[in-house]
Amino acid sequence: MKDPRLEKLAKNLVRFSCRVKKGENVLIEVKDESAKPLVEALVEEIQAAGATPFVNLYDQRIMRKLIGGASDAWFDIMKEVDLLKMKKMHAFIGINGRNNSYEFSDIPGPKMKNYMQKYVQPVHFDQRVKHTKWCILAYPNPSYAQGSTMSTEAFENFYFNVTTLDYAKMDKAMDPLVKLMSKTDKVRLLGPGRTDLTFSIKKIPIIKCAGQMNIPDGEVFTAPVKDSVNGVIEYNTPTVYLGKKFEKVILTFKKGKIVKVEGDNVAKLEEIFNSDPGARYVGEFAIGVNPYVVKPMVDILFDEKIAGSIHFTPGNSYDEAPNGNHSQVHWDLVMIQTPEYGGGEIWFDGKLVRKDGLFVLKELKGLNPENLK
């Protein structure tokens, strides 16, 4: 028997998120096989829309072996083949089945750097992000349930609540925040630990995300003026980057640049931020508002949408909100400002906008959790 929740999700992804039209080509890219039921539903929905589905299914254990032993020629051939395919696509749906979040954790650093520079950058950042309608999502399985400290059934119920909510309502509720941020120059963030950070977002585009690029979704993002960031931010959300987990990351900025790195595994943090010159500057500032995502589950697709959070992202900026920073790195590091996680404040041009995770301005209260569910 087909799960009606999967059919609803597939329809949302095809019709709303990727806005698939008759005659278009759609690539579904899947990591690990647990997501196959959703892939089947997507194939049917894409065909019903008069479009043509294509599927890449990757087993992460096999990819670990391939990347760990790859030559430069292997990366070049993979890039050439997949870049050719990506250029034929009008839309892209990426599904992370995530059997193991740490599958790539023991791939040697130089191999991962090659993977990012020679494959991910040209195929995904340069082609897919810039030239297709795309959406990335996770798929519920025991690994995600464990990461969120839930039973498998409870996580599945949570997952379908968060992926099939009324994104059109959220989209409309974001308009006043976009309007306010578009008029804002100076931003100040206060939060857990030593967090006291200032920067400008003047003249940088403001982009709302309500179900058209990520599922789950729920953020409004921009970028700081590249050299305007000063102060300290202490991220309080565990994170995995390239298969390695970090419990604490504290960054000190001066004139936009990361000048001091603290936390666990500082040597690895320094390696990431030394990947290229742009890795020490920030490419994104975003405010999370998804009412169903309220605690970390060590998966950025969920954690960056946590209601009452922000993410402040070292590395590459998006073309939609460019600040001139370019990097192979784009690391969405999250700070939660709700009382359970130490509280915090967001100020725009000297005016308090959000306190302890709740918007205080009348025109923004529609984005508070009780108004979005």
Protein backbone atom coordinates (compact mmCIF):
# COMPACT_ATOMS: atom_id res chain seq x y z
CA MET A 1 0.00 0.00 0.00
CA LYS A 2 1.33 3.44 -0.91
CA ASP A 3 1.97 5.89 1.92
CA PRO A 4 -0.19 8.97 1.21
CA ARG A 5 2.34 11.11 3.09
CA LEU A 6 5.03 10.18 0.56
CA GLU A 7 2.70 10.96 -2.32
CA LYS A 8 1.92 14.38 -0.81
CA LEU A 9 5.62 15.10 -0.27
CA ALA A 10 6.48 14.04 -3.82
CA LYS A 11 3.78 16.30 -5.21
CA ASN A 12 5.03 19.25 -3.14
CA LEU A 13 8.61 18.68 -4.30
CA VAL A 14 7.71 18.41 -7.97
CA ARG A 15 4.90 20.96 -8.25
CA PHE A 16 5.84 23.56 -5.59
CA SER A 17 9.55 23.29 -4.76
CA CYS A 18 10.93 22.64 -8.26
CA ARG A 19 7.99 23.95 -10.28
CA VAL A 20 8.52 21.19 -12.84
CA LYS A 21 7.03 21.87 -16.29
CA LYS A 22 6.15 19.64 -19.19
CA GLY A 23 9.17 18.66 -21.27
CA GLU A 24 11.75 19.32 -18.55
CA ASN A 25 14.46 16.93 -17.35
CA VAL A 26 14.66 16.25 -13.60
CA LEU A 27 17.60 14.54 -11.88
CA ILE A 28 16.89 12.72 -8.61
CA GLU A 29 20.12 12.08 -6.72
CA VAL A 30 19.90 9.67 -3.77
CA LYS A 31 22.42 8.84 -1.05
CA ASP A 32 21.83 5.34 0.32
CA GLU A 33 18.89 3.15 -0.55
CA SER A 34 16.48 3.77 2.34
CA ALA A 35 14.91 6.61 0.34
CA LYS A 36 13.82 4.40 -2.57
CA PRO A 37 10.07 4.60 -1.69
CA LEU A 38 10.22 8.39 -2.09
CA VAL A 39 12.18 8.01 -5.33
CA GLU A 40 9.42 5.81 -6.76
CA ALA A 41 6.79 8.39 -5.80
CA LEU A 42 8.89 11.17 -7.35
CA VAL A 43 9.36 9.29 -10.61
CA GLU A 44 5.59 8.85 -10.91
CA GLU A 45 4.88 12.51 -10.07
CA ILE A 46 7.51 13.82 -12.50
CA GLN A 47 6.09 11.66 -15.27
CA ALA A 48 2.58 12.84 -14.40
CA ALA A 49 3.82 16.41 -14.85
CA GLY A 50 4.91 15.54 -18.40
CA ALA A 51 8.61 15.72 -17.50
CA THR A 52 11.41 13.14 -17.69
CA PRO A 53 12.99 11.74 -14.49
CA PHE A 54 16.61 10.57 -14.20
CA VAL A 55 18.06 8.87 -11.10
CA ASN A 56 21.55 8.64 -9.57
CA LEU A 57 21.70 6.25 -6.60
CA TYR A 58 24.90 6.43 -4.54
CA ASP A 59 25.90 4.03 -1.78
CA GLN A 60 28.00 6.08 0.66
CA ARG A 61 30.12 3.11 1.76
CA ILE A 62 31.15 2.54 -1.82
CA MET A 63 31.70 6.27 -2.38
CA ARG A 64 34.02 6.29 0.66
CA LYS A 65 36.14 3.59 -0.98
CA LEU A 66 36.16 5.38 -4.32
CA ILE A 67 37.05 8.83 -2.98
CA GLY A 68 39.63 7.46 -0.52
CA GLY A 69 41.55 5.73 -3.29
CA ALA A 70 40.90 8.13 -6.15
CA SER A 71 43.52 9.56 -8.49
CA ASP A 72 43.33 13.07 -9.96
CA ALA A 73 42.21 11.46 -13.22
CA TRP A 74 39.24 9.81 -11.45
CA PHE A 75 38.02 13.16 -10.13
CA ASP A 76 38.44 14.71 -13.58
CA ILE A 77 36.42 11.96 -15.29
CA MET A 78 33.67 12.03 -12.61
CA LYS A 79 33.42 15.79 -13.00
CA GLU A 80 33.27 15.59 -16.80
CA VAL A 81 30.58 12.90 -16.84
CA ASP A 82 28.33 14.34 -14.12
CA LEU A 83 28.76 17.92 -15.31
CA LEU A 84 27.57 16.89 -18.76
CA LYS A 85 24.50 15.23 -17.22
CA MET A 86 23.80 18.21 -14.93
CA LYS A 87 23.90 20.59 -17.89
CA LYS A 88 21.03 18.61 -19.45
CA MET A 89 18.81 19.07 -16.37
CA HIS A 90 16.19 21.70 -15.65
CA ALA A 91 15.59 20.61 -12.04
CA PHE A 92 17.41 18.64 -9.35
CA ILE A 93 16.08 16.85 -6.25
CA GLY A 94 18.73 15.59 -3.81
CA ILE A 95 17.74 13.07 -1.13
CA ASN A 96 20.00 12.13 1.76
CA GLY A 97 19.14 8.68 3.10
CA ARG A 98 22.05 8.95 5.56
CA ASN A 99 22.73 5.42 6.74
CA ASN A 100 25.76 6.82 8.56
CA SER A 101 26.53 10.52 8.99
CA TYR A 102 30.19 9.77 9.62
CA GLU A 103 30.84 7.53 6.61
CA PHE A 104 33.42 9.93 5.18
CA SER A 105 35.08 10.70 8.53
CA ASP A 106 38.28 8.73 7.85
CA ILE A 107 38.85 9.78 4.25
CA PRO A 108 42.26 11.52 4.16
CA GLY A 109 42.07 15.32 4.13
CA PRO A 110 43.80 15.78 0.73
CA LYS A 111 41.31 13.37 -0.90
CA MET A 112 38.33 15.26 0.54
CA LYS A 113 39.85 18.54 -0.63
CA ASN A 114 40.16 17.10 -4.14
CA TYR A 115 36.57 15.87 -3.96
CA MET A 116 35.33 19.32 -3.02
CA GLN A 117 37.51 21.28 -5.45
CA LYS A 118 37.50 18.98 -8.47
CA TYR A 119 33.95 17.58 -8.25
CA VAL A 120 31.54 19.29 -5.85
CA GLN A 121 32.50 22.86 -6.78
CA PRO A 122 32.08 22.56 -10.58
CA VAL A 123 29.17 20.10 -10.63
CA HIS A 124 27.06 21.43 -7.76
CA PHE A 125 28.09 24.96 -6.77
CA ASP A 126 28.89 26.22 -10.27
CA GLN A 127 26.33 24.31 -12.33
CA ARG A 128 23.49 22.82 -10.28
CA VAL A 129 23.01 25.74 -7.86
CA LYS A 130 23.30 28.40 -10.55
CA HIS A 131 21.48 26.80 -13.45
CA THR A 132 18.76 24.43 -12.18
CA LYS A 133 15.68 24.61 -10.00
CA TRP A 134 16.82 22.53 -7.06
CA CYS A 135 15.67 21.15 -3.73
CA ILE A 136 17.58 19.14 -1.11
CA LEU A 137 15.95 17.03 1.59
CA ALA A 138 16.57 14.22 4.04
CA TYR A 139 14.66 10.95 4.33
CA PRO A 140 13.45 9.43 7.62
CA ASN A 141 15.30 6.31 8.74
CA PRO A 142 16.71 4.88 12.01
CA SER A 143 19.95 6.85 11.63
CA TYR A 144 18.06 10.17 11.63
CA ALA A 145 15.87 8.97 14.50
CA GLN A 146 18.97 8.19 16.57
CA GLY A 147 20.50 11.57 15.76
CA SER A 148 17.36 13.29 17.02
CA THR A 149 17.03 10.97 20.07
CA MET A 150 13.56 9.84 18.91
CA SER A 151 11.96 6.52 18.21
CA THR A 152 11.76 5.70 14.49
CA GLU A 153 7.97 6.15 14.49
CA ALA A 154 8.14 9.46 16.35
CA PHE A 155 10.78 10.76 13.96
CA GLU A 156 8.74 9.74 10.92
CA ASN A 157 5.71 11.62 12.28
CA PHE A 158 7.90 14.67 12.99
CA TYR A 159 9.46 14.43 9.53
CA PHE A 160 6.17 14.47 7.66
CA ASN A 161 4.87 17.34 9.83
CA VAL A 162 7.92 19.42 8.98
CA THR A 163 8.13 18.55 5.28
CA THR A 164 4.46 18.96 4.41
CA LEU A 165 3.56 22.08 6.42
CA ASP A 166 1.90 25.04 4.75
CA TYR A 167 4.92 26.63 3.10
CA ALA A 168 2.76 29.10 1.19
CA LYS A 169 1.64 30.54 4.56
CA MET A 170 5.25 30.72 5.75
CA ASP A 171 6.28 32.43 2.52
CA LYS A 172 3.74 35.23 3.06
CA ALA A 173 4.70 35.61 6.75
CA MET A 174 8.32 36.19 5.73
CA ASP A 175 7.55 39.30 3.68
CA PRO A 176 7.73 41.82 6.58
CA LEU A 177 11.11 40.40 7.67
CA VAL A 178 12.45 40.66 4.13
CA LYS A 179 11.21 44.27 3.95
CA LEU A 180 12.85 45.16 7.28
CA MET A 181 16.17 43.50 6.46
CA SER A 182 16.23 45.24 3.09
CA LYS A 183 16.32 48.57 4.93
CA THR A 184 18.86 47.43 7.55
CA ASP A 185 22.52 48.36 7.73
CA LYS A 186 23.96 47.26 11.08
CA VAL A 187 23.19 43.89 12.69
CA ARG A 188 24.21 42.88 16.19
CA LEU A 189 23.98 39.33 17.55
CA LEU A 190 24.10 38.52 21.25
CA GLY A 191 23.95 34.98 22.51
CA PRO A 192 25.39 32.14 24.54
CA GLY A 193 28.90 32.33 25.96
CA ARG A 194 30.96 35.21 24.62
CA THR A 195 28.79 35.89 21.56
CA ASP A 196 28.75 39.57 20.64
CA LEU A 197 29.01 40.07 16.90
CA THR A 198 28.38 43.06 14.63
CA PHE A 199 28.26 43.36 10.85
CA SER A 200 26.51 45.16 7.99
CA ILE A 201 24.02 43.73 5.50
CA LYS A 202 23.57 47.02 3.64
CA LYS A 203 22.64 46.61 -0.04
CA ILE A 204 22.92 42.80 0.06
CA PRO A 205 19.78 41.07 -1.33
CA ILE A 206 17.44 39.39 1.17
CA ILE A 207 16.15 35.96 0.17
CA LYS A 208 13.25 34.04 1.72
CA CYS A 209 13.31 30.25 1.71
CA ALA A 210 9.89 28.67 2.15
CA GLY A 211 10.03 25.24 0.56
CA GLN A 212 11.61 25.88 -2.81
CA MET A 213 15.27 24.93 -2.21
CA ASN A 214 15.33 22.85 0.95
CA ILE A 215 12.81 20.56 2.62
CA PRO A 216 12.40 21.12 5.49
CA ASP A 217 12.68 24.85 4.93
CA GLY A 218 12.19 28.01 6.90
CA GLU A 219 14.88 30.67 6.76
CA VAL A 220 15.50 34.17 5.48
CA PHE A 221 19.07 34.71 4.38
CA THR A 222 21.45 37.33 3.14
CA ALA A 223 25.20 37.85 3.54
CA PRO A 224 27.29 40.24 5.58
CA VAL A 225 29.31 42.91 3.82
CA LYS A 226 32.53 40.94 3.48
CA ASP A 227 34.87 43.07 5.59
CA SER A 228 32.26 44.31 8.11
CA VAL A 229 32.22 41.42 10.61
CA ASN A 230 33.74 42.09 14.04
CA GLY A 231 33.47 40.29 17.37
CA VAL A 232 32.96 36.76 18.64
CA ILE A 233 30.36 34.09 17.92
CA GLU A 234 30.04 30.92 19.98
CA TYR A 235 28.03 28.31 18.12
CA ASN A 236 26.04 26.04 20.44
CA THR A 237 24.83 23.38 18.01
CA PRO A 238 26.77 20.18 17.20
CA THR A 239 27.69 19.95 13.55
CA VAL A 240 29.12 17.47 11.06
CA TYR A 241 31.33 18.71 8.25
CA LEU A 242 32.78 16.30 5.69
CA GLY A 243 32.03 13.39 8.00
CA LYS A 244 33.62 14.87 11.15
CA LYS A 245 31.61 16.02 14.17
CA PHE A 246 32.31 19.22 16.10
CA GLU A 247 30.58 19.94 19.42
CA LYS A 248 31.84 23.48 19.88
CA VAL A 249 33.14 26.12 17.48
CA ILE A 250 34.06 29.66 18.60
CA LEU A 251 35.20 32.18 16.00
CA THR A 252 36.68 35.64 16.47
CA PHE A 253 36.40 38.07 13.55
CA LYS A 254 38.28 41.25 12.72
CA LYS A 255 37.38 43.25 9.60
CA GLY A 256 35.47 40.28 8.25
CA LYS A 257 38.22 37.69 8.66
CA ILE A 258 38.38 34.79 11.11
CA VAL A 259 41.45 35.64 13.18
CA LYS A 260 41.03 33.14 16.02
CA VAL A 261 39.54 29.64 16.11
CA GLU A 262 38.56 27.83 19.32
CA GLY A 263 36.65 24.65 20.11
CA ASP A 264 37.23 20.94 19.99
CA ASN A 265 39.70 19.62 17.38
CA VAL A 266 41.21 23.03 16.65
CA ALA A 267 43.74 21.50 14.25
CA LYS A 268 40.94 20.17 12.03
CA LEU A 269 39.07 23.48 12.27
CA GLU A 270 42.17 25.33 11.14
CA GLU A 271 42.54 22.90 8.23
CA ILE A 272 38.98 23.66 7.10
CA PHE A 273 39.38 27.43 7.42
CA ASN A 274 42.70 27.27 5.57
CA SER A 275 41.13 25.45 2.60
CA ASP A 276 41.36 28.67 0.59
CA PRO A 277 41.37 32.43 1.34
CA GLY A 278 37.58 32.70 1.21
CA ALA A 279 37.08 30.06 3.91
CA ARG A 280 38.03 32.64 6.57
CA TYR A 281 35.28 35.04 5.50
CA VAL A 282 31.50 34.67 5.80
CA GLY A 283 29.18 34.03 2.87
CA GLU A 284 25.75 33.84 4.55
CA PHE A 285 23.74 35.14 7.48
CA ALA A 286 20.32 33.54 7.97
CA ILE A 287 17.46 33.49 10.47
CA GLY A 288 15.66 30.17 11.11
CA VAL A 289 11.89 30.05 11.65
CA ASN A 290 10.58 26.48 11.14
CA PRO A 291 8.08 25.89 14.00
CA TYR A 292 8.49 22.10 14.02
CA VAL A 293 12.29 22.10 14.24
CA VAL A 294 13.13 23.03 17.81
CA LYS A 295 16.30 21.07 18.68
CA PRO A 296 19.45 19.95 16.89
CA MET A 297 19.66 16.55 15.22
CA VAL A 298 23.17 17.03 13.79
CA ASP A 299 21.94 17.40 10.24
CA ILE A 300 22.22 20.84 8.72
CA LEU A 301 19.13 20.45 6.54
CA PHE A 302 17.12 20.46 9.76
CA ASP A 303 19.32 22.38 12.19
CA GLU A 304 19.70 25.55 10.11
CA LYS A 305 15.88 25.90 10.12
CA ILE A 306 15.46 25.67 13.92
CA ALA A 307 12.94 28.23 15.14
CA GLY A 308 14.84 30.82 17.18
CA SER A 309 18.20 30.12 15.54
CA ILE A 310 20.61 31.88 13.22
CA HIS A 311 23.35 30.48 11.08
CA PHE A 312 26.46 32.40 10.20
CA THR A 313 28.30 30.62 7.44
CA PRO A 314 32.02 30.74 6.71
CA GLY A 315 32.81 30.32 3.04
CA ASN A 316 31.11 30.78 -0.30
CA SER A 317 28.26 33.26 -0.76
CA TYR A 318 25.22 32.46 -2.89
CA ASP A 319 24.64 34.20 -6.21
CA GLU A 320 21.21 35.31 -4.97
CA ALA A 321 22.85 37.28 -2.12
CA PRO A 322 26.47 37.82 -3.17
CA ASN A 323 29.03 39.62 -1.06
CA GLY A 324 32.04 38.84 -3.26
CA ASN A 325 33.30 35.90 -1.21
CA HIS A 326 34.23 32.71 -3.03
CA SER A 327 35.34 29.44 -1.48
CA GLN A 328 35.05 25.67 -1.79
CA VAL A 329 33.75 25.82 1.81
CA HIS A 330 30.16 26.67 2.74
CA TRP A 331 29.73 25.59 6.36
CA ASP A 332 26.38 26.43 7.94
CA LEU A 333 27.23 26.79 11.64
CA VAL A 334 24.20 27.28 13.88
CA MET A 335 23.59 29.28 17.06
CA ILE A 336 20.25 28.77 18.84
CA GLN A 337 18.96 31.76 20.82
CA THR A 338 16.01 30.19 22.68
CA PRO A 339 16.06 30.12 26.51
CA GLU A 340 16.80 26.37 26.57
CA TYR A 341 20.07 27.07 24.72
CA GLY A 342 21.18 30.20 26.55
CA GLY A 343 18.97 32.87 24.98
CA GLY A 344 20.09 35.72 22.78
CA GLU A 345 19.08 38.80 20.84
CA ILE A 346 19.07 40.15 17.28
CA TRP A 347 19.31 43.91 16.79
CA PHE A 348 18.84 45.83 13.51
CA ASP A 349 20.18 49.40 13.46
CA GLY A 350 19.87 49.67 17.23
CA LYS A 351 16.34 48.21 17.44
CA LEU A 352 15.63 44.91 19.17
CA VAL A 353 14.07 42.51 16.61
CA ARG A 354 14.12 39.09 18.29
CA LYS A 355 14.72 38.14 21.91
CA ASP A 356 15.26 34.59 23.20
CA GLY A 357 14.09 33.18 19.89
CA LEU A 358 10.82 35.14 19.58
CA PHE A 359 10.23 38.16 17.34
CA VAL A 360 9.17 41.19 19.36
CA LEU A 361 8.14 43.59 16.57
CA LYS A 362 4.41 43.47 15.80
CA GLU A 363 4.87 43.03 12.05
CA LEU A 364 7.18 40.04 12.58
CA LYS A 365 5.18 38.08 15.14
CA GLY A 366 3.55 36.04 12.36
CA LEU A 367 6.89 34.20 12.15
CA ASN A 368 6.79 33.02 15.76
CA PRO A 369 6.15 29.26 16.07
CA GLU A 370 2.60 29.43 17.41
CA ASN A 371 1.56 31.41 14.31
CA LEU A 372 3.15 29.13 11.69
CA LYS A 373 1.86 25.73 12.78
